[in-house]
């Protein structure tokens, strides 16, 4: 009985892996948060898909996930995301948010 328990424990220990991000040259990615935006290819079932922008914690992880067109900063696509990141809001109508050299304008719906 002890041999069976011992064998099960050994198999469990051998089966455990270290959950570490590595890039393609098998080096370890650090966990520094320096966000980058990169495009990744996704697989669609019915039609061809466009690439999707995704924010990665750092460039090493983006490279590991085979991202391309990598830019330093979070991926932004609209006014709300720009504001959520804490970027300044311009006093205008409609309001505008600036992240670096890019300005995002608030979408204003019809007045009710």
C-alpha atoms as a PDB file:
ATOM      1  CA  UNK A   1       0.000   0.000   0.000  1.00  0.00           C
ATOM      2  CA  UNK A   2       2.844   2.401   0.834  1.00  0.00           C
ATOM      3  CA  UNK A   3       4.419   1.714  -2.565  1.00  0.00           C
ATOM      4  CA  UNK A   4       1.204   2.649  -4.361  1.00  0.00           C
ATOM      5  CA  UNK A   5       0.823   5.906  -2.416  1.00  0.00           C
ATOM      6  CA  UNK A   6       4.493   6.712  -2.979  1.00  0.00           C
ATOM      7  CA  UNK A   7       4.168   6.008  -6.723  1.00  0.00           C
ATOM      8  CA  UNK A   8       1.091   8.241  -6.996  1.00  0.00           C
ATOM      9  CA  UNK A   9       2.877  11.087  -5.195  1.00  0.00           C
ATOM     10  CA  UNK A  10       5.914  10.771  -7.476  1.00  0.00           C
ATOM     11  CA  UNK A  11       3.707  10.790 -10.580  1.00  0.00           C
ATOM     12  CA  UNK A  12       1.888  13.885  -9.364  1.00  0.00           C
ATOM     13  CA  UNK A  13       5.150  15.694  -8.656  1.00  0.00           C
ATOM     14  CA  UNK A  14       6.623  14.763 -12.016  1.00  0.00           C
ATOM     15  CA  UNK A  15       3.434  15.841 -13.796  1.00  0.00           C
ATOM     16  CA  UNK A  16       3.491  19.328 -12.258  1.00  0.00           C
ATOM     17  CA  UNK A  17       5.005  22.022 -14.426  1.00  0.00           C
ATOM     18  CA  UNK A  18       6.271  25.442 -13.597  1.00  0.00           C
ATOM     19  CA  UNK A  19       3.825  27.955 -15.088  1.00  0.00           C
ATOM     20  CA  UNK A  20       6.386  30.400 -16.511  1.00  0.00           C
ATOM     21  CA  UNK A  21       5.987  32.528 -19.623  1.00  0.00           C
ATOM     22  CA  UNK A  22       8.758  31.953 -22.126  1.00  0.00           C
ATOM     23  CA  UNK A  23       9.379  33.535 -25.469  1.00  0.00           C
ATOM     24  CA  UNK A  24      10.401  31.722 -28.609  1.00  0.00           C
ATOM     25  CA  UNK A  25      14.087  31.435 -27.705  1.00  0.00           C
ATOM     26  CA  UNK A  26      13.098  29.685 -24.439  1.00  0.00           C
ATOM     27  CA  UNK A  27      14.159  32.601 -22.239  1.00  0.00           C
ATOM     28  CA  UNK A  28      11.936  33.513 -19.309  1.00  0.00           C
ATOM     29  CA  UNK A  29       9.769  36.634 -19.529  1.00  0.00           C
ATOM     30  CA  UNK A  30       9.879  38.805 -16.431  1.00  0.00           C
ATOM     31  CA  UNK A  31       6.655  40.056 -14.893  1.00  0.00           C
ATOM     32  CA  UNK A  32       7.471  43.761 -15.287  1.00  0.00           C
ATOM     33  CA  UNK A  33       4.330  45.681 -16.252  1.00  0.00           C
ATOM     34  CA  UNK A  34       5.278  47.861 -19.198  1.00  0.00           C
ATOM     35  CA  UNK A  35       2.188  47.502 -21.413  1.00  0.00           C
ATOM     36  CA  UNK A  36       2.464  47.152 -25.166  1.00  0.00           C
ATOM     37  CA  UNK A  37      -0.183  46.879 -27.848  1.00  0.00           C
ATOM     38  CA  UNK A  38       0.206  44.280 -30.544  1.00  0.00           C
ATOM     39  CA  UNK A  39      -1.889  42.666 -33.226  1.00  0.00           C
ATOM     40  CA  UNK A  40      -2.594  38.950 -33.197  1.00  0.00           C
ATOM     41  CA  UNK A  41      -4.169  36.666 -35.761  1.00  0.00           C
ATOM     42  CA  UNK A  42      -7.324  34.889 -34.711  1.00  0.00           C
ATOM     43  CA  UNK A  43      -8.942  31.883 -36.294  1.00  0.00           C
ATOM     44  CA  UNK A  44     -12.525  32.232 -37.501  1.00  0.00           C
ATOM     45  CA  UNK A  45     -14.794  29.325 -38.274  1.00  0.00           C
ATOM     46  CA  UNK A  46     -16.847  30.751 -41.155  1.00  0.00           C
ATOM     47  CA  UNK A  47     -15.023  33.722 -42.693  1.00  0.00           C
ATOM     48  CA  UNK A  48     -11.550  35.257 -42.780  1.00  0.00           C
ATOM     49  CA  UNK A  49     -10.851  37.419 -39.741  1.00  0.00           C
ATOM     50  CA  UNK A  50      -9.034  40.677 -39.305  1.00  0.00           C
ATOM     51  CA  UNK A  51      -6.204  40.879 -36.831  1.00  0.00           C
ATOM     52  CA  UNK A  52      -7.185  41.922 -33.326  1.00  0.00           C
ATOM     53  CA  UNK A  53      -5.312  44.401 -31.129  1.00  0.00           C
ATOM     54  CA  UNK A  54      -4.478  43.119 -27.671  1.00  0.00           C
ATOM     55  CA  UNK A  55      -2.665  44.654 -24.709  1.00  0.00           C
ATOM     56  CA  UNK A  56       0.191  42.575 -23.283  1.00  0.00           C
ATOM     57  CA  UNK A  57       1.979  43.118 -19.970  1.00  0.00           C
ATOM     58  CA  UNK A  58       5.330  43.591 -21.719  1.00  0.00           C
ATOM     59  CA  UNK A  59       7.078  43.118 -25.067  1.00  0.00           C
ATOM     60  CA  UNK A  60       8.526  39.726 -24.145  1.00  0.00           C
ATOM     61  CA  UNK A  61       5.066  38.262 -23.566  1.00  0.00           C
ATOM     62  CA  UNK A  62       3.783  39.889 -26.770  1.00  0.00           C
ATOM     63  CA  UNK A  63       6.599  38.236 -28.721  1.00  0.00           C
ATOM     64  CA  UNK A  64       5.859  34.917 -27.072  1.00  0.00           C
ATOM     65  CA  UNK A  65       2.245  35.147 -28.234  1.00  0.00           C
ATOM     66  CA  UNK A  66       3.477  35.932 -31.785  1.00  0.00           C
ATOM     67  CA  UNK A  67       2.109  39.475 -31.785  1.00  0.00           C
ATOM     68  CA  UNK A  68       3.215  41.900 -34.496  1.00  0.00           C
ATOM     69  CA  UNK A  69       3.053  45.672 -35.077  1.00  0.00           C
ATOM     70  CA  UNK A  70       3.936  46.106 -31.395  1.00  0.00           C
ATOM     71  CA  UNK A  71       3.624  49.635 -29.954  1.00  0.00           C
ATOM     72  CA  UNK A  72       4.524  50.857 -26.482  1.00  0.00           C
ATOM     73  CA  UNK A  73       1.251  51.590 -24.596  1.00  0.00           C
ATOM     74  CA  UNK A  74      -2.106  49.999 -23.975  1.00  0.00           C
ATOM     75  CA  UNK A  75      -4.411  49.366 -26.924  1.00  0.00           C
ATOM     76  CA  UNK A  76      -6.970  52.098 -27.111  1.00  0.00           C
ATOM     77  CA  UNK A  77      -9.876  52.268 -29.473  1.00  0.00           C
ATOM     78  CA  UNK A  78     -12.328  54.718 -27.941  1.00  0.00           C
ATOM     79  CA  UNK A  79     -12.891  57.640 -25.595  1.00  0.00           C
ATOM     80  CA  UNK A  80     -14.069  55.517 -22.659  1.00  0.00           C
ATOM     81  CA  UNK A  81     -10.935  53.341 -22.614  1.00  0.00           C
ATOM     82  CA  UNK A  82      -8.772  56.453 -22.815  1.00  0.00           C
ATOM     83  CA  UNK A  83     -10.534  57.931 -19.761  1.00  0.00           C
ATOM     84  CA  UNK A  84     -10.358  54.600 -17.870  1.00  0.00           C
ATOM     85  CA  UNK A  85      -6.564  54.682 -18.230  1.00  0.00           C
ATOM     86  CA  UNK A  86      -6.506  58.052 -16.415  1.00  0.00           C
ATOM     87  CA  UNK A  87      -5.574  60.206 -19.388  1.00  0.00           C
ATOM     88  CA  UNK A  88      -6.532  63.886 -19.316  1.00  0.00           C
ATOM     89  CA  UNK A  89      -9.943  64.978 -20.613  1.00  0.00           C
ATOM     90  CA  UNK A  90     -10.090  68.204 -22.617  1.00  0.00           C
ATOM     91  CA  UNK A  91     -12.766  70.746 -21.758  1.00  0.00           C
ATOM     92  CA  UNK A  92     -14.617  70.778 -25.051  1.00  0.00           C
ATOM     93  CA  UNK A  93     -17.889  69.604 -26.518  1.00  0.00           C
ATOM     94  CA  UNK A  94     -17.838  66.806 -27.243  1.00  0.00           C
ATOM     95  CA  UNK A  95     -15.185  65.952 -24.695  1.00  0.00           C
ATOM     96  CA  UNK A  96     -11.819  64.675 -25.933  1.00  0.00           C
ATOM     97  CA  UNK A  97      -9.244  62.449 -24.281  1.00  0.00           C
ATOM     98  CA  UNK A  98      -5.588  62.453 -25.260  1.00  0.00           C
ATOM     99  CA  UNK A  99      -3.195  59.515 -24.964  1.00  0.00           C
ATOM    100  CA  UNK A 100       0.216  60.508 -26.281  1.00  0.00           C
ATOM    101  CA  UNK A 101      -0.234  61.892 -29.797  1.00  0.00           C
ATOM    102  CA  UNK A 102      -3.686  60.366 -30.298  1.00  0.00           C
ATOM    103  CA  UNK A 103      -6.950  62.108 -29.386  1.00  0.00           C
ATOM    104  CA  UNK A 104     -10.232  60.246 -28.851  1.00  0.00           C
ATOM    105  CA  UNK A 105     -13.565  62.076 -29.105  1.00  0.00           C
ATOM    106  CA  UNK A 106     -16.567  61.177 -26.965  1.00  0.00           C
ATOM    107  CA  UNK A 107     -19.509  59.785 -28.911  1.00  0.00           C
ATOM    108  CA  UNK A 108     -22.584  61.931 -28.270  1.00  0.00           C
ATOM    109  CA  UNK A 109     -25.975  60.361 -28.843  1.00  0.00           C
ATOM    110  CA  UNK A 110     -29.154  62.217 -29.842  1.00  0.00           C
ATOM    111  CA  UNK A 111     -30.587  64.648 -27.299  1.00  0.00           C
ATOM    112  CA  UNK A 112     -33.766  63.321 -25.729  1.00  0.00           C
END
